[in-house]
């Protein structure tokens, strides 16, 4: 049973990846070719044709797609003398061809000629830092405020918290990013000491080495975390309100259990499932939503790298970012499913 389930998940994930590759390939047919950007002022046909051949863009679209799928596959086949330089794996020679098991090869950037794996590896760290910081902020503030509001239902505190969270839900992340960058990074910079833009790695004063600047994380994390914070407040509050009227809560109170213990030991664990569902969904949304936030704050993550690559028609970088994001979504989804079963073992047999 478990083997069938794993096989179905692998088949589903593989079909999603294949669909993404084909869709992105189709979309890139409508964009200007990278040879136009790389050639710059050198507009003669011979130069452009040489760039096209060098990038492998002289092949039919269907053949380019098949070659790319071969590169990103774990099992690949290459002509014996044409295994790409940055491919890492073990190959067996079979006449004029070599078949092997390898790490997925995302090719090299059209613009920088650097391996996409390396470019996205560093950018991935930046995105994860920003996403986790925003999610941590949303959880550490949202859940306690939601519980506080539920325990004081219909009070001024409750109405005020709900009103503010409704406002937070209404504000898009890109608008929060622009507002925070301008307000706290420019208008009130002398008080906050925070820059309008900045990445997590920057050159030191003499330019000899890069140093970590986690202070640059504050404004992007605040801007990205506003909406999930507001959602967690309302979700926690509404779920807790529903749980607090159940019979077992009244029984616990009748037995003399303290109200604080009733809230956190009896009511809160029974309100966790919808919160966990929301956490998984919002974590995925933050990974996607961080793209524009990163670009506005010039935070070096997958979003900033992807948008700049899209502007330059740097297909391998864009495709690599899309595939890496899809893998992250899949992992988060699987982790959320496991978390459901851990919280409520009854779901294992449901």
C-alpha atoms as a PDB file:
ATOM      1  CA  UNK A   1       0.000   0.000   0.000  1.00  0.00           C
ATOM      2  CA  UNK A   2       2.776   2.428   0.962  1.00  0.00           C
ATOM      3  CA  UNK A   3       4.794   1.501  -2.157  1.00  0.00           C
ATOM      4  CA  UNK A   4       1.796   2.279  -4.384  1.00  0.00           C
ATOM      5  CA  UNK A   5       1.294   5.598  -2.625  1.00  0.00           C
ATOM      6  CA  UNK A   6       4.942   6.567  -3.085  1.00  0.00           C
ATOM      7  CA  UNK A   7       4.832   5.492  -6.743  1.00  0.00           C
ATOM      8  CA  UNK A   8       1.711   7.597  -7.340  1.00  0.00           C
ATOM      9  CA  UNK A   9       3.313  10.641  -5.730  1.00  0.00           C
ATOM     10  CA  UNK A  10       6.461  10.260  -7.844  1.00  0.00           C
ATOM     11  CA  UNK A  11       4.356   9.901 -11.004  1.00  0.00           C
ATOM     12  CA  UNK A  12       2.312  12.969 -10.071  1.00  0.00           C
ATOM     13  CA  UNK A  13       5.397  15.059  -9.310  1.00  0.00           C
ATOM     14  CA  UNK A  14       7.112  13.969 -12.546  1.00  0.00           C
ATOM     15  CA  UNK A  15       4.054  14.915 -14.608  1.00  0.00           C
ATOM     16  CA  UNK A  16       3.935  18.348 -12.945  1.00  0.00           C
ATOM     17  CA  UNK A  17       7.616  18.966 -13.709  1.00  0.00           C
ATOM     18  CA  UNK A  18       7.160  17.842 -17.314  1.00  0.00           C
ATOM     19  CA  UNK A  19       4.152  20.151 -17.699  1.00  0.00           C
ATOM     20  CA  UNK A  20       6.089  23.091 -16.260  1.00  0.00           C
ATOM     21  CA  UNK A  21       8.994  22.529 -18.645  1.00  0.00           C
ATOM     22  CA  UNK A  22       6.700  22.476 -21.674  1.00  0.00           C
ATOM     23  CA  UNK A  23       4.669  25.519 -20.569  1.00  0.00           C
ATOM     24  CA  UNK A  24       7.774  27.635 -19.874  1.00  0.00           C
ATOM     25  CA  UNK A  25       9.279  26.560 -23.215  1.00  0.00           C
ATOM     26  CA  UNK A  26       6.118  27.725 -25.001  1.00  0.00           C
ATOM     27  CA  UNK A  27       6.086  31.046 -23.142  1.00  0.00           C
ATOM     28  CA  UNK A  28       9.713  31.727 -24.017  1.00  0.00           C
ATOM     29  CA  UNK A  29       8.927  31.437 -27.723  1.00  0.00           C
ATOM     30  CA  UNK A  30       7.090  34.778 -27.417  1.00  0.00           C
ATOM     31  CA  UNK A  31      10.024  36.582 -25.750  1.00  0.00           C
ATOM     32  CA  UNK A  32      12.945  38.294 -27.493  1.00  0.00           C
ATOM     33  CA  UNK A  33      15.787  35.858 -28.077  1.00  0.00           C
ATOM     34  CA  UNK A  34      18.811  36.164 -25.776  1.00  0.00           C
ATOM     35  CA  UNK A  35      21.014  36.590 -28.832  1.00  0.00           C
ATOM     36  CA  UNK A  36      19.506  40.058 -29.341  1.00  0.00           C
ATOM     37  CA  UNK A  37      20.566  41.099 -25.841  1.00  0.00           C
ATOM     38  CA  UNK A  38      23.989  39.415 -25.980  1.00  0.00           C
ATOM     39  CA  UNK A  39      24.894  40.866 -29.369  1.00  0.00           C
ATOM     40  CA  UNK A  40      24.277  44.432 -28.127  1.00  0.00           C
ATOM     41  CA  UNK A  41      25.361  46.910 -30.764  1.00  0.00           C
ATOM     42  CA  UNK A  42      26.839  44.123 -32.899  1.00  0.00           C
ATOM     43  CA  UNK A  43      23.796  43.614 -35.050  1.00  0.00           C
ATOM     44  CA  UNK A  44      25.406  41.867 -38.035  1.00  0.00           C
ATOM     45  CA  UNK A  45      23.795  38.559 -38.953  1.00  0.00           C
ATOM     46  CA  UNK A  46      26.976  36.510 -38.665  1.00  0.00           C
ATOM     47  CA  UNK A  47      27.450  37.499 -35.010  1.00  0.00           C
ATOM     48  CA  UNK A  48      23.813  36.799 -34.153  1.00  0.00           C
ATOM     49  CA  UNK A  49      23.887  33.401 -35.902  1.00  0.00           C
ATOM     50  CA  UNK A  50      27.078  32.441 -34.033  1.00  0.00           C
ATOM     51  CA  UNK A  51      25.444  33.274 -30.674  1.00  0.00           C
ATOM     52  CA  UNK A  52      22.329  31.284 -31.607  1.00  0.00           C
ATOM     53  CA  UNK A  53      24.433  28.223 -32.470  1.00  0.00           C
ATOM     54  CA  UNK A  54      26.527  28.601 -29.313  1.00  0.00           C
ATOM     55  CA  UNK A  55      23.392  28.644 -27.123  1.00  0.00           C
ATOM     56  CA  UNK A  56      21.837  25.714 -28.964  1.00  0.00           C
ATOM     57  CA  UNK A  57      18.866  27.824 -30.101  1.00  0.00           C
ATOM     58  CA  UNK A  58      19.216  26.797 -33.734  1.00  0.00           C
ATOM     59  CA  UNK A  59      17.446  23.499 -32.976  1.00  0.00           C
ATOM     60  CA  UNK A  60      13.654  23.042 -33.361  1.00  0.00           C
ATOM     61  CA  UNK A  61      11.683  23.867 -30.202  1.00  0.00           C
ATOM     62  CA  UNK A  62      10.624  20.248 -29.657  1.00  0.00           C
ATOM     63  CA  UNK A  63      14.229  19.090 -29.797  1.00  0.00           C
ATOM     64  CA  UNK A  64      15.348  21.829 -27.388  1.00  0.00           C
ATOM     65  CA  UNK A  65      12.641  20.687 -24.960  1.00  0.00           C
ATOM     66  CA  UNK A  66      13.717  17.030 -25.189  1.00  0.00           C
ATOM     67  CA  UNK A  67      17.378  17.939 -24.673  1.00  0.00           C
ATOM     68  CA  UNK A  68      16.491  20.018 -21.628  1.00  0.00           C
ATOM     69  CA  UNK A  69      14.385  17.217 -20.129  1.00  0.00           C
ATOM     70  CA  UNK A  70      17.363  14.917 -20.656  1.00  0.00           C
ATOM     71  CA  UNK A  71      19.576  17.383 -18.756  1.00  0.00           C
ATOM     72  CA  UNK A  72      17.297  17.705 -15.731  1.00  0.00           C
ATOM     73  CA  UNK A  73      16.527  13.979 -15.543  1.00  0.00           C
ATOM     74  CA  UNK A  74      18.279  11.802 -12.991  1.00  0.00           C
ATOM     75  CA  UNK A  75      18.932   9.193 -15.693  1.00  0.00           C
ATOM     76  CA  UNK A  76      20.310  10.715 -18.912  1.00  0.00           C
ATOM     77  CA  UNK A  77      21.833   9.728 -22.236  1.00  0.00           C
ATOM     78  CA  UNK A  78      24.541  11.808 -23.977  1.00  0.00           C
ATOM     79  CA  UNK A  79      26.834  11.341 -26.969  1.00  0.00           C
ATOM     80  CA  UNK A  80      30.045   9.933 -25.502  1.00  0.00           C
ATOM     81  CA  UNK A  81      32.111  13.011 -26.372  1.00  0.00           C
ATOM     82  CA  UNK A  82      29.441  15.618 -25.494  1.00  0.00           C
ATOM     83  CA  UNK A  83      28.757  15.188 -21.777  1.00  0.00           C
ATOM     84  CA  UNK A  84      28.358  18.784 -20.460  1.00  0.00           C
ATOM     85  CA  UNK A  85      31.234  20.102 -18.372  1.00  0.00           C
ATOM     86  CA  UNK A  86      29.250  20.698 -15.182  1.00  0.00           C
ATOM     87  CA  UNK A  87      27.298  17.416 -15.158  1.00  0.00           C
ATOM     88  CA  UNK A  88      28.027  15.394 -11.999  1.00  0.00           C
ATOM     89  CA  UNK A  89      27.318  11.667 -12.057  1.00  0.00           C
ATOM     90  CA  UNK A  90      28.443   8.191 -13.099  1.00  0.00           C
ATOM     91  CA  UNK A  91      28.247   7.200 -16.762  1.00  0.00           C
ATOM     92  CA  UNK A  92      28.573   3.912 -18.639  1.00  0.00           C
ATOM     93  CA  UNK A  93      29.851   4.035 -22.203  1.00  0.00           C
ATOM     94  CA  UNK A  94      27.699   2.162 -24.740  1.00  0.00           C
ATOM     95  CA  UNK A  95      29.308   2.613 -28.119  1.00  0.00           C
ATOM     96  CA  UNK A  96      28.844   6.183 -29.271  1.00  0.00           C
ATOM     97  CA  UNK A  97      26.634   7.076 -26.297  1.00  0.00           C
ATOM     98  CA  UNK A  98      26.947   7.211 -22.511  1.00  0.00           C
ATOM     99  CA  UNK A  99      24.101   6.514 -20.111  1.00  0.00           C
ATOM    100  CA  UNK A 100      24.357   7.522 -16.504  1.00  0.00           C
ATOM    101  CA  UNK A 101      22.804   8.475 -13.178  1.00  0.00           C
ATOM    102  CA  UNK A 102      23.478  12.085 -12.288  1.00  0.00           C
ATOM    103  CA  UNK A 103      22.426  15.103 -10.295  1.00  0.00           C
ATOM    104  CA  UNK A 104      19.881  17.222 -12.273  1.00  0.00           C
ATOM    105  CA  UNK A 105      21.799  19.586 -14.540  1.00  0.00           C
ATOM    106  CA  UNK A 106      20.188  23.025 -14.895  1.00  0.00           C
ATOM    107  CA  UNK A 107      22.708  24.149 -17.516  1.00  0.00           C
ATOM    108  CA  UNK A 108      24.644  27.437 -17.492  1.00  0.00           C
ATOM    109  CA  UNK A 109      23.385  31.007 -17.573  1.00  0.00           C
ATOM    110  CA  UNK A 110      23.236  32.576 -21.043  1.00  0.00           C
ATOM    111  CA  UNK A 111      24.516  35.853 -19.596  1.00  0.00           C
ATOM    112  CA  UNK A 112      27.188  34.893 -17.035  1.00  0.00           C
ATOM    113  CA  UNK A 113      28.136  31.395 -18.306  1.00  0.00           C
ATOM    114  CA  UNK A 114      28.060  30.220 -14.664  1.00  0.00           C
ATOM    115  CA  UNK A 115      26.258  27.011 -13.634  1.00  0.00           C
ATOM    116  CA  UNK A 116      22.612  27.709 -12.802  1.00  0.00           C
ATOM    117  CA  UNK A 117      22.883  25.274  -9.863  1.00  0.00           C
ATOM    118  CA  UNK A 118      25.459  27.579  -8.254  1.00  0.00           C
ATOM    119  CA  UNK A 119      23.567  30.800  -9.034  1.00  0.00           C
ATOM    120  CA  UNK A 120      20.300  29.508  -7.606  1.00  0.00           C
ATOM    121  CA  UNK A 121      22.022  27.831  -4.666  1.00  0.00           C
ATOM    122  CA  UNK A 122      23.078  31.175  -3.211  1.00  0.00           C
ATOM    123  CA  UNK A 123      19.804  32.854  -4.180  1.00  0.00           C
ATOM    124  CA  UNK A 124      17.871  29.993  -2.547  1.00  0.00           C
ATOM    125  CA  UNK A 125      19.547  30.715   0.802  1.00  0.00           C
ATOM    126  CA  UNK A 126      18.408  34.349   0.568  1.00  0.00           C
ATOM    127  CA  UNK A 127      14.814  33.352  -0.235  1.00  0.00           C
ATOM    128  CA  UNK A 128      14.684  30.802   2.578  1.00  0.00           C
ATOM    129  CA  UNK A 129      16.055  33.354   5.061  1.00  0.00           C
ATOM    130  CA  UNK A 130      13.413  35.895   4.056  1.00  0.00           C
ATOM    131  CA  UNK A 131      10.543  33.384   3.961  1.00  0.00           C
ATOM    132  CA  UNK A 132      11.358  31.845   7.330  1.00  0.00           C
ATOM    133  CA  UNK A 133      11.789  35.273   8.926  1.00  0.00           C
ATOM    134  CA  UNK A 134       8.397  36.428   7.593  1.00  0.00           C
ATOM    135  CA  UNK A 135       6.696  33.183   8.669  1.00  0.00           C
ATOM    136  CA  UNK A 136       8.319  33.296  12.121  1.00  0.00           C
ATOM    137  CA  UNK A 137       7.081  36.861  12.578  1.00  0.00           C
ATOM    138  CA  UNK A 138       3.565  35.899  11.454  1.00  0.00           C
ATOM    139  CA  UNK A 139       3.371  32.865  13.760  1.00  0.00           C
ATOM    140  CA  UNK A 140       4.971  34.310  16.872  1.00  0.00           C
ATOM    141  CA  UNK A 141       2.639  37.330  16.784  1.00  0.00           C
ATOM    142  CA  UNK A 142      -0.426  36.009  14.953  1.00  0.00           C
ATOM    143  CA  UNK A 143      -1.253  32.960  17.073  1.00  0.00           C
ATOM    144  CA  UNK A 144      -0.964  34.641  20.516  1.00  0.00           C
ATOM    145  CA  UNK A 145      -2.951  37.663  19.299  1.00  0.00           C
ATOM    146  CA  UNK A 146      -5.627  35.360  17.860  1.00  0.00           C
ATOM    147  CA  UNK A 147      -5.884  33.438  21.146  1.00  0.00           C
ATOM    148  CA  UNK A 148      -5.970  36.725  23.087  1.00  0.00           C
ATOM    149  CA  UNK A 149      -8.812  38.050  20.915  1.00  0.00           C
ATOM    150  CA  UNK A 150     -10.802  34.800  21.216  1.00  0.00           C
ATOM    151  CA  UNK A 151     -10.460  34.752  25.001  1.00  0.00           C
ATOM    152  CA  UNK A 152     -11.898  38.283  25.105  1.00  0.00           C
ATOM    153  CA  UNK A 153     -14.581  37.840  22.476  1.00  0.00           C
ATOM    154  CA  UNK A 154     -16.619  40.983  21.629  1.00  0.00           C
ATOM    155  CA  UNK A 155     -14.423  43.206  23.811  1.00  0.00           C
ATOM    156  CA  UNK A 156     -12.702  46.356  22.557  1.00  0.00           C
ATOM    157  CA  UNK A 157      -9.451  44.375  22.313  1.00  0.00           C
ATOM    158  CA  UNK A 158     -11.147  41.750  20.159  1.00  0.00           C
ATOM    159  CA  UNK A 159     -12.751  44.285  17.823  1.00  0.00           C
ATOM    160  CA  UNK A 160      -9.519  46.276  17.500  1.00  0.00           C
ATOM    161  CA  UNK A 161      -7.381  43.227  16.697  1.00  0.00           C
ATOM    162  CA  UNK A 162      -9.912  41.968  14.137  1.00  0.00           C
ATOM    163  CA  UNK A 163     -10.097  45.407  12.484  1.00  0.00           C
ATOM    164  CA  UNK A 164      -6.302  45.682  12.195  1.00  0.00           C
ATOM    165  CA  UNK A 165      -5.977  42.143  10.858  1.00  0.00           C
ATOM    166  CA  UNK A 166      -8.657  42.863   8.231  1.00  0.00           C
ATOM    167  CA  UNK A 167      -6.605  45.854   7.104  1.00  0.00           C
ATOM    168  CA  UNK A 168      -3.474  43.670   6.960  1.00  0.00           C
ATOM    169  CA  UNK A 169      -5.202  41.082   4.776  1.00  0.00           C
ATOM    170  CA  UNK A 170      -6.271  43.810   2.346  1.00  0.00           C
ATOM    171  CA  UNK A 171      -2.752  45.128   1.692  1.00  0.00           C
ATOM    172  CA  UNK A 172      -0.762  43.305  -1.057  1.00  0.00           C
ATOM    173  CA  UNK A 173       2.818  42.355  -0.188  1.00  0.00           C
ATOM    174  CA  UNK A 174       4.342  44.417  -3.019  1.00  0.00           C
ATOM    175  CA  UNK A 175       2.557  47.547  -1.740  1.00  0.00           C
ATOM    176  CA  UNK A 176       3.734  46.866   1.828  1.00  0.00           C
ATOM    177  CA  UNK A 177       7.259  46.450   0.467  1.00  0.00           C
ATOM    178  CA  UNK A 178       7.205  49.806  -1.342  1.00  0.00           C
ATOM    179  CA  UNK A 179       5.626  51.555   1.660  1.00  0.00           C
ATOM    180  CA  UNK A 180       8.050  50.107   4.223  1.00  0.00           C
ATOM    181  CA  UNK A 181      11.068  50.741   2.015  1.00  0.00           C
ATOM    182  CA  UNK A 182      10.137  54.397   1.513  1.00  0.00           C
ATOM    183  CA  UNK A 183       8.802  55.120   5.018  1.00  0.00           C
ATOM    184  CA  UNK A 184      11.312  53.320   7.247  1.00  0.00           C
ATOM    185  CA  UNK A 185      14.262  53.171   4.855  1.00  0.00           C
ATOM    186  CA  UNK A 186      14.108  56.772   3.614  1.00  0.00           C
ATOM    187  CA  UNK A 187      11.761  59.089   5.541  1.00  0.00           C
ATOM    188  CA  UNK A 188      12.625  57.782   9.029  1.00  0.00           C
ATOM    189  CA  UNK A 189      16.022  56.281   8.282  1.00  0.00           C
ATOM    190  CA  UNK A 190      17.769  58.478  10.844  1.00  0.00           C
ATOM    191  CA  UNK A 191      15.651  56.804  13.540  1.00  0.00           C
ATOM    192  CA  UNK A 192      15.509  53.222  12.185  1.00  0.00           C
ATOM    193  CA  UNK A 193      19.029  53.030  10.766  1.00  0.00           C
ATOM    194  CA  UNK A 194      17.667  50.725   8.059  1.00  0.00           C
ATOM    195  CA  UNK A 195      18.402  51.088   4.314  1.00  0.00           C
ATOM    196  CA  UNK A 196      15.782  51.234   1.575  1.00  0.00           C
ATOM    197  CA  UNK A 197      17.466  48.345  -0.221  1.00  0.00           C
ATOM    198  CA  UNK A 198      20.098  45.786   0.618  1.00  0.00           C
ATOM    199  CA  UNK A 199      20.880  42.088   0.399  1.00  0.00           C
ATOM    200  CA  UNK A 200      21.939  39.536   2.991  1.00  0.00           C
ATOM    201  CA  UNK A 201      25.457  39.438   1.546  1.00  0.00           C
ATOM    202  CA  UNK A 202      27.343  42.633   0.738  1.00  0.00           C
ATOM    203  CA  UNK A 203      30.931  43.655   0.118  1.00  0.00           C
ATOM    204  CA  UNK A 204      32.792  45.051   3.116  1.00  0.00           C
ATOM    205  CA  UNK A 205      34.212  48.572   3.164  1.00  0.00           C
ATOM    206  CA  UNK A 206      37.411  47.717   1.262  1.00  0.00           C
ATOM    207  CA  UNK A 207      35.603  45.430  -1.203  1.00  0.00           C
ATOM    208  CA  UNK A 208      37.809  42.451  -0.422  1.00  0.00           C
ATOM    209  CA  UNK A 209      35.166  40.092   0.936  1.00  0.00           C
ATOM    210  CA  UNK A 210      31.440  39.657   1.400  1.00  0.00           C
ATOM    211  CA  UNK A 211      29.852  39.917   4.829  1.00  0.00           C
ATOM    212  CA  UNK A 212      26.393  38.973   6.096  1.00  0.00           C
ATOM    213  CA  UNK A 213      23.995  41.864   6.730  1.00  0.00           C
ATOM    214  CA  UNK A 214      21.017  40.406   8.588  1.00  0.00           C
ATOM    215  CA  UNK A 215      19.849  43.917   9.539  1.00  0.00           C
ATOM    216  CA  UNK A 216      18.755  44.236   5.897  1.00  0.00           C
ATOM    217  CA  UNK A 217      16.307  41.390   6.582  1.00  0.00           C
ATOM    218  CA  UNK A 218      14.069  43.414   8.921  1.00  0.00           C
ATOM    219  CA  UNK A 219      12.058  45.518   6.452  1.00  0.00           C
ATOM    220  CA  UNK A 220      11.556  42.795   3.785  1.00  0.00           C
ATOM    221  CA  UNK A 221      10.442  40.301   6.463  1.00  0.00           C
ATOM    222  CA  UNK A 222       7.983  42.808   7.937  1.00  0.00           C
ATOM    223  CA  UNK A 223       6.568  43.658   4.507  1.00  0.00           C
ATOM    224  CA  UNK A 224       6.237  40.004   3.489  1.00  0.00           C
ATOM    225  CA  UNK A 225       4.879  38.864   6.850  1.00  0.00           C
ATOM    226  CA  UNK A 226       2.014  41.375   7.215  1.00  0.00           C
ATOM    227  CA  UNK A 227      -0.615  39.373   5.299  1.00  0.00           C
ATOM    228  CA  UNK A 228       0.057  35.923   6.838  1.00  0.00           C
ATOM    229  CA  UNK A 229       0.210  37.608  10.247  1.00  0.00           C
ATOM    230  CA  UNK A 230      -3.282  39.039   9.694  1.00  0.00           C
ATOM    231  CA  UNK A 231      -4.580  35.699   8.410  1.00  0.00           C
ATOM    232  CA  UNK A 232      -3.190  33.757  11.396  1.00  0.00           C
ATOM    233  CA  UNK A 233      -4.771  36.234  13.799  1.00  0.00           C
ATOM    234  CA  UNK A 234      -8.237  35.837  12.307  1.00  0.00           C
ATOM    235  CA  UNK A 235      -7.974  32.093  11.722  1.00  0.00           C
ATOM    236  CA  UNK A 236      -6.731  31.411  15.258  1.00  0.00           C
ATOM    237  CA  UNK A 237      -9.331  33.724  16.755  1.00  0.00           C
ATOM    238  CA  UNK A 238     -12.279  32.233  14.821  1.00  0.00           C
ATOM    239  CA  UNK A 239     -11.191  28.625  15.412  1.00  0.00           C
ATOM    240  CA  UNK A 240     -10.665  29.218  19.115  1.00  0.00           C
ATOM    241  CA  UNK A 241     -14.071  30.891  19.437  1.00  0.00           C
ATOM    242  CA  UNK A 242     -15.682  27.756  17.956  1.00  0.00           C
ATOM    243  CA  UNK A 243     -13.728  25.419  20.254  1.00  0.00           C
ATOM    244  CA  UNK A 244     -14.343  27.398  23.440  1.00  0.00           C
ATOM    245  CA  UNK A 245     -18.112  26.746  23.309  1.00  0.00           C
ATOM    246  CA  UNK A 246     -17.751  22.944  23.087  1.00  0.00           C
ATOM    247  CA  UNK A 247     -18.894  20.714  25.949  1.00  0.00           C
ATOM    248  CA  UNK A 248     -15.446  19.425  26.962  1.00  0.00           C
ATOM    249  CA  UNK A 249     -14.287  23.016  27.571  1.00  0.00           C
ATOM    250  CA  UNK A 250     -17.293  23.670  29.821  1.00  0.00           C
ATOM    251  CA  UNK A 251     -16.589  20.393  31.641  1.00  0.00           C
ATOM    252  CA  UNK A 252     -12.955  21.394  32.246  1.00  0.00           C
ATOM    253  CA  UNK A 253     -14.059  24.766  33.610  1.00  0.00           C
ATOM    254  CA  UNK A 254     -16.663  23.102  35.841  1.00  0.00           C
ATOM    255  CA  UNK A 255     -13.921  20.910  37.340  1.00  0.00           C
ATOM    256  CA  UNK A 256     -12.056  24.029  38.399  1.00  0.00           C
ATOM    257  CA  UNK A 257      -9.298  23.992  35.766  1.00  0.00           C
ATOM    258  CA  UNK A 258      -7.745  27.445  35.474  1.00  0.00           C
ATOM    259  CA  UNK A 259      -8.849  29.520  32.480  1.00  0.00           C
ATOM    260  CA  UNK A 260      -5.254  29.799  31.199  1.00  0.00           C
ATOM    261  CA  UNK A 261      -4.896  26.017  31.283  1.00  0.00           C
ATOM    262  CA  UNK A 262      -8.264  25.576  29.550  1.00  0.00           C
ATOM    263  CA  UNK A 263      -7.122  27.903  26.761  1.00  0.00           C
ATOM    264  CA  UNK A 264      -3.673  26.474  26.083  1.00  0.00           C
ATOM    265  CA  UNK A 265      -3.967  22.815  27.130  1.00  0.00           C
ATOM    266  CA  UNK A 266      -7.536  21.965  26.105  1.00  0.00           C
ATOM    267  CA  UNK A 267      -8.793  24.480  23.519  1.00  0.00           C
ATOM    268  CA  UNK A 268      -5.657  25.398  21.554  1.00  0.00           C
ATOM    269  CA  UNK A 269      -4.544  21.820  20.593  1.00  0.00           C
ATOM    270  CA  UNK A 270      -8.030  21.191  19.199  1.00  0.00           C
ATOM    271  CA  UNK A 271      -7.789  24.314  17.056  1.00  0.00           C
ATOM    272  CA  UNK A 272      -4.449  23.404  15.478  1.00  0.00           C
ATOM    273  CA  UNK A 273      -5.535  21.512  12.339  1.00  0.00           C
ATOM    274  CA  UNK A 274      -6.882  24.517  10.381  1.00  0.00           C
ATOM    275  CA  UNK A 275      -3.888  26.567  11.527  1.00  0.00           C
ATOM    276  CA  UNK A 276      -1.457  23.911  10.260  1.00  0.00           C
ATOM    277  CA  UNK A 277      -3.347  23.837   6.950  1.00  0.00           C
ATOM    278  CA  UNK A 278      -2.941  27.579   6.653  1.00  0.00           C
ATOM    279  CA  UNK A 279       0.752  27.461   7.591  1.00  0.00           C
ATOM    280  CA  UNK A 280       1.517  25.024   4.771  1.00  0.00           C
ATOM    281  CA  UNK A 281      -0.424  27.088   2.246  1.00  0.00           C
ATOM    282  CA  UNK A 282       1.036  30.397   3.355  1.00  0.00           C
ATOM    283  CA  UNK A 283       4.580  29.085   3.405  1.00  0.00           C
ATOM    284  CA  UNK A 284       4.172  28.177  -0.252  1.00  0.00           C
ATOM    285  CA  UNK A 285       2.572  31.564  -0.959  1.00  0.00           C
ATOM    286  CA  UNK A 286       5.430  33.394   0.729  1.00  0.00           C
ATOM    287  CA  UNK A 287       7.948  31.593  -1.460  1.00  0.00           C
ATOM    288  CA  UNK A 288       6.073  32.840  -4.520  1.00  0.00           C
ATOM    289  CA  UNK A 289       5.190  36.270  -3.079  1.00  0.00           C
ATOM    290  CA  UNK A 290       8.767  36.934  -2.034  1.00  0.00           C
ATOM    291  CA  UNK A 291       9.719  37.434  -5.708  1.00  0.00           C
ATOM    292  CA  UNK A 292       8.423  41.019  -5.897  1.00  0.00           C
ATOM    293  CA  UNK A 293       9.442  41.846  -2.326  1.00  0.00           C
ATOM    294  CA  UNK A 294      13.002  40.728  -3.074  1.00  0.00           C
ATOM    295  CA  UNK A 295      13.124  42.827  -6.224  1.00  0.00           C
ATOM    296  CA  UNK A 296      11.834  45.967  -4.479  1.00  0.00           C
ATOM    297  CA  UNK A 297      14.348  45.640  -1.621  1.00  0.00           C
ATOM    298  CA  UNK A 298      17.092  44.318  -3.953  1.00  0.00           C
ATOM    299  CA  UNK A 299      17.347  41.310  -1.643  1.00  0.00           C
ATOM    300  CA  UNK A 300      19.364  38.635  -3.423  1.00  0.00           C
ATOM    301  CA  UNK A 301      16.994  35.688  -3.556  1.00  0.00           C
ATOM    302  CA  UNK A 302      15.407  33.551  -6.220  1.00  0.00           C
ATOM    303  CA  UNK A 303      12.843  36.271  -6.963  1.00  0.00           C
ATOM    304  CA  UNK A 304      15.380  38.989  -7.740  1.00  0.00           C
ATOM    305  CA  UNK A 305      17.579  36.615  -9.732  1.00  0.00           C
ATOM    306  CA  UNK A 306      14.574  35.287 -11.688  1.00  0.00           C
ATOM    307  CA  UNK A 307      13.153  38.706 -12.585  1.00  0.00           C
ATOM    308  CA  UNK A 308      16.557  39.942 -13.764  1.00  0.00           C
ATOM    309  CA  UNK A 309      17.005  36.734 -15.790  1.00  0.00           C
ATOM    310  CA  UNK A 310      13.557  37.174 -17.331  1.00  0.00           C
ATOM    311  CA  UNK A 311      14.448  40.725 -18.386  1.00  0.00           C
ATOM    312  CA  UNK A 312      17.538  39.332 -20.126  1.00  0.00           C
ATOM    313  CA  UNK A 313      15.768  36.277 -21.649  1.00  0.00           C
ATOM    314  CA  UNK A 314      18.137  34.080 -19.641  1.00  0.00           C
ATOM    315  CA  UNK A 315      16.094  30.906 -20.071  1.00  0.00           C
ATOM    316  CA  UNK A 316      18.192  28.415 -18.020  1.00  0.00           C
ATOM    317  CA  UNK A 317      18.054  30.631 -14.899  1.00  0.00           C
ATOM    318  CA  UNK A 318      14.295  31.232 -15.186  1.00  0.00           C
ATOM    319  CA  UNK A 319      13.572  27.558 -15.821  1.00  0.00           C
ATOM    320  CA  UNK A 320      15.834  26.506 -12.952  1.00  0.00           C
ATOM    321  CA  UNK A 321      14.023  28.880 -10.581  1.00  0.00           C
ATOM    322  CA  UNK A 322      10.619  27.561 -11.707  1.00  0.00           C
ATOM    323  CA  UNK A 323      11.662  23.939 -11.192  1.00  0.00           C
ATOM    324  CA  UNK A 324      13.283  24.607  -7.815  1.00  0.00           C
ATOM    325  CA  UNK A 325      10.169  26.454  -6.625  1.00  0.00           C
ATOM    326  CA  UNK A 326       7.970  23.568  -7.783  1.00  0.00           C
ATOM    327  CA  UNK A 327      10.134  21.109  -5.819  1.00  0.00           C
ATOM    328  CA  UNK A 328       9.834  23.286  -2.722  1.00  0.00           C
ATOM    329  CA  UNK A 329       6.046  23.430  -3.069  1.00  0.00           C
ATOM    330  CA  UNK A 330       5.925  19.636  -3.324  1.00  0.00           C
ATOM    331  CA  UNK A 331       8.135  19.163  -0.252  1.00  0.00           C
ATOM    332  CA  UNK A 332       6.074  21.635   1.785  1.00  0.00           C
ATOM    333  CA  UNK A 333       2.871  19.882   0.757  1.00  0.00           C
ATOM    334  CA  UNK A 334       4.230  16.488   1.810  1.00  0.00           C
ATOM    335  CA  UNK A 335       5.509  17.866   5.110  1.00  0.00           C
ATOM    336  CA  UNK A 336       2.111  19.420   5.815  1.00  0.00           C
ATOM    337  CA  UNK A 337       0.404  16.075   5.182  1.00  0.00           C
ATOM    338  CA  UNK A 338       2.790  14.384   7.621  1.00  0.00           C
ATOM    339  CA  UNK A 339       2.121  17.128  10.173  1.00  0.00           C
ATOM    340  CA  UNK A 340      -1.650  16.518   9.930  1.00  0.00           C
ATOM    341  CA  UNK A 341      -1.164  12.855  10.842  1.00  0.00           C
ATOM    342  CA  UNK A 342       1.197  13.743  13.683  1.00  0.00           C
ATOM    343  CA  UNK A 343      -1.329  16.160  15.186  1.00  0.00           C
ATOM    344  CA  UNK A 344      -4.339  13.908  14.590  1.00  0.00           C
ATOM    345  CA  UNK A 345      -3.379  10.184  14.157  1.00  0.00           C
ATOM    346  CA  UNK A 346      -6.974   9.412  13.157  1.00  0.00           C
ATOM    347  CA  UNK A 347      -6.208  10.894   9.715  1.00  0.00           C
ATOM    348  CA  UNK A 348      -3.749   8.044   9.088  1.00  0.00           C
ATOM    349  CA  UNK A 349      -6.643   5.645   8.795  1.00  0.00           C
ATOM    350  CA  UNK A 350      -9.071   8.133   7.226  1.00  0.00           C
END
